Amino acid sequence: MSLVKLKNIRINQGLTCQQVADKVYISKEYYWMLENGKRRLTYELAVKIAKVFNASPDYIFLDNKLTTSEQNQPERLVNKNKGGYL
């Protein structure tokens, strides 16, 4: 889950932790803990937060380093002793 993206989106939209927390009916402290990885995020709360930013939960919270084709590829393991692939 990409929490850095969540913080960047909030800052870019000019919102404080308090403002986002008020919009999703949680405390500022709880929101801060979510943004900093100190608390776990429920799906329901992810949806509420995404609505505040007019974005999808996937866009905000999923790590988009993998493309669809990469997700369908089997993971290649490296044999570090021989430097080759298994």
PDB file of N, CA and C in Angstrom:
ATOM      1  N   MET A   1       0.848  -1.169   0.000  1.00  0.00           N
ATOM      2  CA  MET A   1       0.000   0.000   0.000  1.00  0.00           C
ATOM      3  C   MET A   1       0.896   1.235   0.000  1.00  0.00           C
ATOM      4  N   SER A   2       0.585   2.146  -0.877  1.00  0.00           N
ATOM      5  CA  SER A   2       1.400   3.343  -1.034  1.00  0.00           C
ATOM      6  C   SER A   2       0.854   4.483  -0.185  1.00  0.00           C
ATOM      7  N   LEU A   3       1.385   4.637   1.008  1.00  0.00           N
ATOM      8  CA  LEU A   3       0.911   5.697   1.895  1.00  0.00           C
ATOM      9  C   LEU A   3       1.582   7.028   1.594  1.00  0.00           C
ATOM     10  N   VAL A   4       2.733   7.010   0.952  1.00  0.00           N
ATOM     11  CA  VAL A   4       3.390   8.247   0.544  1.00  0.00           C
ATOM     12  C   VAL A   4       2.506   8.958  -0.472  1.00  0.00           C
ATOM     13  N   LYS A   5       1.897   8.197  -1.352  1.00  0.00           N
ATOM     14  CA  LYS A   5       1.012   8.775  -2.357  1.00  0.00           C
ATOM     15  C   LYS A   5      -0.181   9.452  -1.679  1.00  0.00           C
ATOM     16  N   LEU A   6      -0.720   8.833  -0.647  1.00  0.00           N
ATOM     17  CA  LEU A   6      -1.847   9.409   0.084  1.00  0.00           C
ATOM     18  C   LEU A   6      -1.468  10.776   0.643  1.00  0.00           C
ATOM     19  N   LYS A   7      -0.326  10.852   1.269  1.00  0.00           N
ATOM     20  CA  LYS A   7       0.126  12.122   1.847  1.00  0.00           C
ATOM     21  C   LYS A   7       0.355  13.166   0.758  1.00  0.00           C
ATOM     22  N   ASN A   8       0.986  12.760  -0.340  1.00  0.00           N
ATOM     23  CA  ASN A   8       1.247  13.696  -1.435  1.00  0.00           C
ATOM     24  C   ASN A   8      -0.049  14.228  -2.043  1.00  0.00           C
ATOM     25  N   ILE A   9      -1.033  13.366  -2.218  1.00  0.00           N
ATOM     26  CA  ILE A   9      -2.322  13.801  -2.763  1.00  0.00           C
ATOM     27  C   ILE A   9      -2.970  14.809  -1.824  1.00  0.00           C
ATOM     28  N   ARG A  10      -2.951  14.511  -0.528  1.00  0.00           N
ATOM     29  CA  ARG A  10      -3.548  15.422   0.450  1.00  0.00           C
ATOM     30  C   ARG A  10      -2.875  16.795   0.390  1.00  0.00           C
ATOM     31  N   ILE A  11      -1.560  16.801   0.382  1.00  0.00           N
ATOM     32  CA  ILE A  11      -0.811  18.061   0.355  1.00  0.00           C
ATOM     33  C   ILE A  11      -1.068  18.813  -0.951  1.00  0.00           C
ATOM     34  N   ASN A  12      -1.054  18.092  -2.072  1.00  0.00           N
ATOM     35  CA  ASN A  12      -1.287  18.731  -3.374  1.00  0.00           C
ATOM     36  C   ASN A  12      -2.676  19.336  -3.486  1.00  0.00           C
ATOM     37  N   GLN A  13      -3.640  18.770  -2.776  1.00  0.00           N
ATOM     38  CA  GLN A  13      -4.990  19.321  -2.803  1.00  0.00           C
ATOM     39  C   GLN A  13      -5.197  20.389  -1.727  1.00  0.00           C
ATOM     40  N   GLY A  14      -4.141  20.680  -0.982  1.00  0.00           N
ATOM     41  CA  GLY A  14      -4.187  21.760   0.004  1.00  0.00           C
ATOM     42  C   GLY A  14      -5.014  21.434   1.231  1.00  0.00           C
ATOM     43  N   LEU A  15      -5.091  20.153   1.593  1.00  0.00           N
ATOM     44  CA  LEU A  15      -5.875  19.751   2.761  1.00  0.00           C
ATOM     45  C   LEU A  15      -4.958  19.378   3.916  1.00  0.00           C
ATOM     46  N   THR A  16      -5.425  19.627   5.110  1.00  0.00           N
ATOM     47  CA  THR A  16      -4.702  19.215   6.309  1.00  0.00           C
ATOM     48  C   THR A  16      -5.205  17.836   6.735  1.00  0.00           C
ATOM     49  N   CYS A  17      -4.466  17.214   7.623  1.00  0.00           N
ATOM     50  CA  CYS A  17      -4.920  15.931   8.185  1.00  0.00           C
ATOM     51  C   CYS A  17      -6.275  16.118   8.864  1.00  0.00           C
ATOM     52  N   GLN A  18      -6.441  17.230   9.565  1.00  0.00           N
ATOM     53  CA  GLN A  18      -7.696  17.504  10.263  1.00  0.00           C
ATOM     54  C   GLN A  18      -8.860  17.588   9.286  1.00  0.00           C
ATOM     55  N   GLN A  19      -8.673  18.264   8.160  1.00  0.00           N
ATOM     56  CA  GLN A  19      -9.751  18.413   7.184  1.00  0.00           C
ATOM     57  C   GLN A  19     -10.171  17.066   6.596  1.00  0.00           C
ATOM     58  N   VAL A  20      -9.201  16.232   6.262  1.00  0.00           N
ATOM     59  CA  VAL A  20      -9.536  14.909   5.720  1.00  0.00           C
ATOM     60  C   VAL A  20     -10.214  14.074   6.795  1.00  0.00           C
ATOM     61  N   ALA A  21      -9.674  14.098   7.999  1.00  0.00           N
ATOM     62  CA  ALA A  21     -10.251  13.329   9.104  1.00  0.00           C
ATOM     63  C   ALA A  21     -11.704  13.743   9.355  1.00  0.00           C
ATOM     64  N   ASP A  22     -11.975  15.031   9.323  1.00  0.00           N
ATOM     65  CA  ASP A  22     -13.345  15.509   9.532  1.00  0.00           C
ATOM     66  C   ASP A  22     -14.289  14.994   8.447  1.00  0.00           C
ATOM     67  N   LYS A  23     -13.809  14.934   7.212  1.00  0.00           N
ATOM     68  CA  LYS A  23     -14.650  14.495   6.101  1.00  0.00           C
ATOM     69  C   LYS A  23     -14.981  13.008   6.160  1.00  0.00           C
ATOM     70  N   VAL A  24     -14.117  12.214   6.806  1.00  0.00           N
ATOM     71  CA  VAL A  24     -14.376  10.772   6.902  1.00  0.00           C
ATOM     72  C   VAL A  24     -14.755  10.345   8.325  1.00  0.00           C
ATOM     73  N   TYR A  25     -14.975  11.329   9.185  1.00  0.00           N
ATOM     74  CA  TYR A  25     -15.478  11.104  10.549  1.00  0.00           C
ATOM     75  C   TYR A  25     -14.553  10.250  11.412  1.00  0.00           C
ATOM     76  N   ILE A  26     -13.264  10.602  11.373  1.00  0.00           N
ATOM     77  CA  ILE A  26     -12.295   9.987  12.281  1.00  0.00           C
ATOM     78  C   ILE A  26     -11.490  11.119  12.908  1.00  0.00           C
ATOM     79  N   SER A  27     -10.708  10.781  13.929  1.00  0.00           N
ATOM     80  CA  SER A  27      -9.884  11.817  14.572  1.00  0.00           C
ATOM     81  C   SER A  27      -8.670  12.141  13.696  1.00  0.00           C
ATOM     82  N   LYS A  28      -8.141  13.336  13.907  1.00  0.00           N
ATOM     83  CA  LYS A  28      -6.928  13.746  13.194  1.00  0.00           C
ATOM     84  C   LYS A  28      -5.781  12.793  13.507  1.00  0.00           C
ATOM     85  N   GLU A  29      -5.699  12.378  14.755  1.00  0.00           N
ATOM     86  CA  GLU A  29      -4.637  11.474  15.165  1.00  0.00           C
ATOM     87  C   GLU A  29      -4.735  10.138  14.439  1.00  0.00           C
ATOM     88  N   TYR A  30      -5.948   9.622  14.319  1.00  0.00           N
ATOM     89  CA  TYR A  30      -6.152   8.334  13.634  1.00  0.00           C
ATOM     90  C   TYR A  30      -5.764   8.473  12.162  1.00  0.00           C
ATOM     91  N   TYR A  31      -6.178   9.573  11.520  1.00  0.00           N
ATOM     92  CA  TYR A  31      -5.817   9.775  10.121  1.00  0.00           C
ATOM     93  C   TYR A  31      -4.300   9.867   9.963  1.00  0.00           C
ATOM     94  N   TRP A  32      -3.646  10.616  10.848  1.00  0.00           N
ATOM     95  CA  TRP A  32      -2.197  10.746  10.794  1.00  0.00           C
ATOM     96  C   TRP A  32      -1.534   9.371  10.901  1.00  0.00           C
ATOM     97  N   MET A  33      -2.049   8.531  11.805  1.00  0.00           N
ATOM     98  CA  MET A  33      -1.489   7.186  11.962  1.00  0.00           C
ATOM     99  C   MET A  33      -1.676   6.357  10.690  1.00  0.00           C
ATOM    100  N   LEU A  34      -2.816   6.510  10.027  1.00  0.00           N
ATOM    101  CA  LEU A  34      -3.038   5.816   8.757  1.00  0.00           C
ATOM    102  C   LEU A  34      -2.016   6.261   7.712  1.00  0.00           C
ATOM    103  N   GLU A  35      -1.861   7.554   7.587  1.00  0.00           N
ATOM    104  CA  GLU A  35      -0.954   8.115   6.599  1.00  0.00           C
ATOM    105  C   GLU A  35       0.495   7.723   6.850  1.00  0.00           C
ATOM    106  N   ASN A  36       0.834   7.481   8.087  1.00  0.00           N
ATOM    107  CA  ASN A  36       2.206   7.136   8.448  1.00  0.00           C
ATOM    108  C   ASN A  36       2.410   5.652   8.723  1.00  0.00           C
ATOM    109  N   GLY A  37       1.431   4.840   8.351  1.00  0.00           N
ATOM    110  CA  GLY A  37       1.573   3.388   8.465  1.00  0.00           C
ATOM    111  C   GLY A  37       1.533   2.846   9.876  1.00  0.00           C
ATOM    112  N   LYS A  38       0.996   3.614  10.802  1.00  0.00           N
ATOM    113  CA  LYS A  38       0.931   3.181  12.202  1.00  0.00           C
ATOM    114  C   LYS A  38      -0.362   2.425  12.513  1.00  0.00           C
ATOM    115  N   ARG A  39      -1.352   2.559  11.646  1.00  0.00           N
ATOM    116  CA  ARG A  39      -2.634   1.863  11.808  1.00  0.00           C
ATOM    117  C   ARG A  39      -3.003   1.211  10.491  1.00  0.00           C
ATOM    118  N   ARG A  40      -3.777   0.147  10.583  1.00  0.00           N
ATOM    119  CA  ARG A  40      -4.241  -0.549   9.378  1.00  0.00           C
ATOM    120  C   ARG A  40      -5.469   0.150   8.826  1.00  0.00           C
ATOM    121  N   LEU A  41      -5.620   0.061   7.527  1.00  0.00           N
ATOM    122  CA  LEU A  41      -6.702   0.726   6.823  1.00  0.00           C
ATOM    123  C   LEU A  41      -7.727  -0.307   6.384  1.00  0.00           C
ATOM    124  N   THR A  42      -9.002  -0.066   6.712  1.00  0.00           N
ATOM    125  CA  THR A  42     -10.065  -0.957   6.247  1.00  0.00           C
ATOM    126  C   THR A  42     -10.463  -0.557   4.832  1.00  0.00           C
ATOM    127  N   TYR A  43     -11.070  -1.472   4.134  1.00  0.00           N
ATOM    128  CA  TYR A  43     -11.538  -1.174   2.777  1.00  0.00           C
ATOM    129  C   TYR A  43     -12.552  -0.043   2.798  1.00  0.00           C
ATOM    130  N   GLU A  44     -13.467  -0.091   3.747  1.00  0.00           N
ATOM    131  CA  GLU A  44     -14.509   0.935   3.835  1.00  0.00           C
ATOM    132  C   GLU A  44     -13.915   2.325   4.033  1.00  0.00           C
ATOM    133  N   LEU A  45     -12.906   2.416   4.897  1.00  0.00           N
ATOM    134  CA  LEU A  45     -12.273   3.708   5.142  1.00  0.00           C
ATOM    135  C   LEU A  45     -11.456   4.140   3.924  1.00  0.00           C
ATOM    136  N   ALA A  46     -10.826   3.209   3.235  1.00  0.00           N
ATOM    137  CA  ALA A  46     -10.088   3.543   2.009  1.00  0.00           C
ATOM    138  C   ALA A  46     -11.021   4.153   0.974  1.00  0.00           C
ATOM    139  N   VAL A  47     -12.228   3.614   0.861  1.00  0.00           N
ATOM    140  CA  VAL A  47     -13.211   4.141  -0.088  1.00  0.00           C
ATOM    141  C   VAL A  47     -13.617   5.560   0.313  1.00  0.00           C
ATOM    142  N   LYS A  48     -13.866   5.779   1.604  1.00  0.00           N
ATOM    143  CA  LYS A  48     -14.252   7.115   2.077  1.00  0.00           C
ATOM    144  C   LYS A  48     -13.152   8.135   1.822  1.00  0.00           C
ATOM    145  N   ILE A  49     -11.915   7.753   2.102  1.00  0.00           N
ATOM    146  CA  ILE A  49     -10.785   8.661   1.889  1.00  0.00           C
ATOM    147  C   ILE A  49     -10.626   8.954   0.395  1.00  0.00           C
ATOM    148  N   ALA A  50     -10.748   7.943  -0.424  1.00  0.00           N
ATOM    149  CA  ALA A  50     -10.620   8.129  -1.877  1.00  0.00           C
ATOM    150  C   ALA A  50     -11.677   9.103  -2.393  1.00  0.00           C
ATOM    151  N   LYS A  51     -12.888   9.040  -1.848  1.00  0.00           N
ATOM    152  CA  LYS A  51     -13.950   9.962  -2.271  1.00  0.00           C
ATOM    153  C   LYS A  51     -13.598  11.405  -1.943  1.00  0.00           C
ATOM    154  N   VAL A  52     -12.926  11.624  -0.828  1.00  0.00           N
ATOM    155  CA  VAL A  52     -12.497  12.977  -0.453  1.00  0.00           C
ATOM    156  C   VAL A  52     -11.599  13.555  -1.545  1.00  0.00           C
ATOM    157  N   PHE A  53     -10.758  12.714  -2.132  1.00  0.00           N
ATOM    158  CA  PHE A  53      -9.806  13.159  -3.145  1.00  0.00           C
ATOM    159  C   PHE A  53     -10.311  12.952  -4.569  1.00  0.00           C
ATOM    160  N   ASN A  54     -11.563  12.544  -4.716  1.00  0.00           N
ATOM    161  CA  ASN A  54     -12.146  12.277  -6.034  1.00  0.00           C
ATOM    162  C   ASN A  54     -11.280  11.319  -6.848  1.00  0.00           C
ATOM    163  N   ALA A  55     -10.857  10.251  -6.203  1.00  0.00           N
ATOM    164  CA  ALA A  55     -10.008   9.249  -6.840  1.00  0.00           C
ATOM    165  C   ALA A  55     -10.497   7.861  -6.445  1.00  0.00           C
ATOM    166  N   SER A  56      -9.972   6.859  -7.099  1.00  0.00           N
ATOM    167  CA  SER A  56     -10.326   5.492  -6.728  1.00  0.00           C
ATOM    168  C   SER A  56      -9.384   5.012  -5.624  1.00  0.00           C
ATOM    169  N   PRO A  57      -9.846   4.096  -4.779  1.00  0.00           N
ATOM    170  CA  PRO A  57      -8.958   3.538  -3.753  1.00  0.00           C
ATOM    171  C   PRO A  57      -7.731   2.871  -4.380  1.00  0.00           C
ATOM    172  N   ASP A  58      -7.912   2.213  -5.527  1.00  0.00           N
ATOM    173  CA  ASP A  58      -6.780   1.569  -6.197  1.00  0.00           C
ATOM    174  C   ASP A  58      -5.708   2.585  -6.564  1.00  0.00           C
ATOM    175  N   TYR A  59      -6.123   3.721  -7.103  1.00  0.00           N
ATOM    176  CA  TYR A  59      -5.169   4.751  -7.509  1.00  0.00           C
ATOM    177  C   TYR A  59      -4.353   5.244  -6.316  1.00  0.00           C
ATOM    178  N   ILE A  60      -5.003   5.421  -5.191  1.00  0.00           N
ATOM    179  CA  ILE A  60      -4.318   5.977  -4.019  1.00  0.00           C
ATOM    180  C   ILE A  60      -3.507   4.932  -3.265  1.00  0.00           C
ATOM    181  N   PHE A  61      -4.087   3.759  -3.058  1.00  0.00           N
ATOM    182  CA  PHE A  61      -3.510   2.827  -2.101  1.00  0.00           C
ATOM    183  C   PHE A  61      -2.744   1.650  -2.688  1.00  0.00           C
ATOM    184  N   LEU A  62      -2.926   1.351  -3.974  1.00  0.00           N
ATOM    185  CA  LEU A  62      -2.193   0.233  -4.547  1.00  0.00           C
ATOM    186  C   LEU A  62      -0.890   0.697  -5.158  1.00  0.00           C
ATOM    187  N   ASP A  63       0.120  -0.123  -4.995  1.00  0.00           N
ATOM    188  CA  ASP A  63       1.412   0.164  -5.592  1.00  0.00           C
ATOM    189  C   ASP A  63       1.305  -0.172  -7.071  1.00  0.00           C
ATOM    190  N   ASN A  64       1.475   0.819  -7.920  1.00  0.00           N
ATOM    191  CA  ASN A  64       1.260   0.598  -9.342  1.00  0.00           C
ATOM    192  C   ASN A  64       2.548   0.322 -10.098  1.00  0.00           C
ATOM    193  N   LYS A  65       3.535  -0.257  -9.450  1.00  0.00           N
ATOM    194  CA  LYS A  65       4.783  -0.592 -10.120  1.00  0.00           C
ATOM    195  C   LYS A  65       4.594  -1.760 -11.084  1.00  0.00           C
ATOM    196  N   LEU A  66       3.654  -2.631 -10.792  1.00  0.00           N
ATOM    197  CA  LEU A  66       3.417  -3.783 -11.653  1.00  0.00           C
ATOM    198  C   LEU A  66       2.375  -3.462 -12.700  1.00  0.00           C
ATOM    199  N   THR A  67       2.648  -3.844 -13.913  1.00  0.00           N
ATOM    200  CA  THR A  67       1.642  -3.732 -14.956  1.00  0.00           C
ATOM    201  C   THR A  67       0.847  -5.031 -14.983  1.00  0.00           C
ATOM    202  N   THR A  68      -0.218  -5.055 -15.720  1.00  0.00           N
ATOM    203  CA  THR A  68      -1.033  -6.268 -15.801  1.00  0.00           C
ATOM    204  C   THR A  68      -0.220  -7.438 -16.323  1.00  0.00           C
ATOM    205  N   SER A  69       0.600  -7.206 -17.334  1.00  0.00           N
ATOM    206  CA  SER A  69       1.388  -8.308 -17.891  1.00  0.00           C
ATOM    207  C   SER A  69       2.422  -8.814 -16.895  1.00  0.00           C
ATOM    208  N   GLU A  70       2.997  -7.925 -16.093  1.00  0.00           N
ATOM    209  CA  GLU A  70       3.960  -8.341 -15.086  1.00  0.00           C
ATOM    210  C   GLU A  70       3.295  -9.153 -13.986  1.00  0.00           C
ATOM    211  N   GLN A  71       2.049  -8.840 -13.666  1.00  0.00           N
ATOM    212  CA  GLN A  71       1.341  -9.570 -12.625  1.00  0.00           C
ATOM    213  C   GLN A  71       1.061 -10.996 -13.062  1.00  0.00           C
ATOM    214  N   ASN A  72       0.951 -11.226 -14.362  1.00  0.00           N
ATOM    215  CA  ASN A  72       0.647 -12.556 -14.872  1.00  0.00           C
ATOM    216  C   ASN A  72       1.886 -13.397 -15.126  1.00  0.00           C
ATOM    217  N   GLN A  73       3.075 -12.815 -14.978  1.00  0.00           N
ATOM    218  CA  GLN A  73       4.317 -13.536 -15.203  1.00  0.00           C
ATOM    219  C   GLN A  73       4.726 -14.260 -13.924  1.00  0.00           C
ATOM    220  N   PRO A  74       5.234 -15.501 -14.053  1.00  0.00           N
ATOM    221  CA  PRO A  74       5.739 -16.186 -12.848  1.00  0.00           C
ATOM    222  C   PRO A  74       6.989 -15.478 -12.358  1.00  0.00           C
ATOM    223  N   GLU A  75       7.132 -15.438 -11.066  1.00  0.00           N
ATOM    224  CA  GLU A  75       8.291 -14.790 -10.462  1.00  0.00           C
ATOM    225  C   GLU A  75       9.537 -15.629 -10.722  1.00  0.00           C
ATOM    226  N   ARG A  76      10.617 -14.989 -11.128  1.00  0.00           N
ATOM    227  CA  ARG A  76      11.866 -15.691 -11.374  1.00  0.00           C
ATOM    228  C   ARG A  76      12.735 -15.583 -10.130  1.00  0.00           C
ATOM    229  N   LEU A  77      13.228 -16.699  -9.703  1.00  0.00           N
ATOM    230  CA  LEU A  77      14.070 -16.723  -8.522  1.00  0.00           C
ATOM    231  C   LEU A  77      15.531 -16.739  -8.932  1.00  0.00           C
ATOM    232  N   VAL A  78      16.340 -16.037  -8.202  1.00  0.00           N
ATOM    233  CA  VAL A  78      17.762 -15.975  -8.505  1.00  0.00           C
ATOM    234  C   VAL A  78      18.508 -16.853  -7.521  1.00  0.00           C
ATOM    235  N   ASN A  79      19.367 -17.716  -8.045  1.00  0.00           N
ATOM    236  CA  ASN A  79      20.230 -18.523  -7.219  1.00  0.00           C
ATOM    237  C   ASN A  79      21.477 -17.684  -6.975  1.00  0.00           C
ATOM    238  N   LYS A  80      21.590 -17.113  -5.794  1.00  0.00           N
ATOM    239  CA  LYS A  80      22.663 -16.168  -5.508  1.00  0.00           C
ATOM    240  C   LYS A  80      24.027 -16.850  -5.473  1.00  0.00           C
ATOM    241  N   ASN A  81      24.055 -18.124  -5.135  1.00  0.00           N
ATOM    242  CA  ASN A  81      25.353 -18.832  -5.079  1.00  0.00           C
ATOM    243  C   ASN A  81      25.971 -18.997  -6.465  1.00  0.00           C
ATOM    244  N   LYS A  82      25.136 -19.209  -7.476  1.00  0.00           N
ATOM    245  CA  LYS A  82      25.644 -19.439  -8.824  1.00  0.00           C
ATOM    246  C   LYS A  82      25.396 -18.252  -9.740  1.00  0.00           C
ATOM    247  N   GLY A  83      24.639 -17.257  -9.253  1.00  0.00           N
ATOM    248  CA  GLY A  83      24.389 -16.083 -10.049  1.00  0.00           C
ATOM    249  C   GLY A  83      23.425 -16.303 -11.199  1.00  0.00           C
ATOM    250  N   GLY A  84      22.755 -17.432 -11.236  1.00  0.00           N
ATOM    251  CA  GLY A  84      21.849 -17.735 -12.335  1.00  0.00           C
ATOM    252  C   GLY A  84      20.394 -17.743 -11.866  1.00  0.00           C
ATOM    253  N   TYR A  85      19.511 -17.984 -12.813  1.00  0.00           N
ATOM    254  CA  TYR A  85      18.103 -18.056 -12.502  1.00  0.00           C
ATOM    255  C   TYR A  85      17.705 -19.503 -12.244  1.00  0.00           C
ATOM    256  N   LEU A  86      16.736 -19.677 -11.380  1.00  0.00           N
ATOM    257  CA  LEU A  86      16.214 -21.018 -11.099  1.00  0.00           C
ATOM    258  C   LEU A  86      15.014 -21.298 -11.953  1.00  0.00           C
TER     259      LEU A  86
END
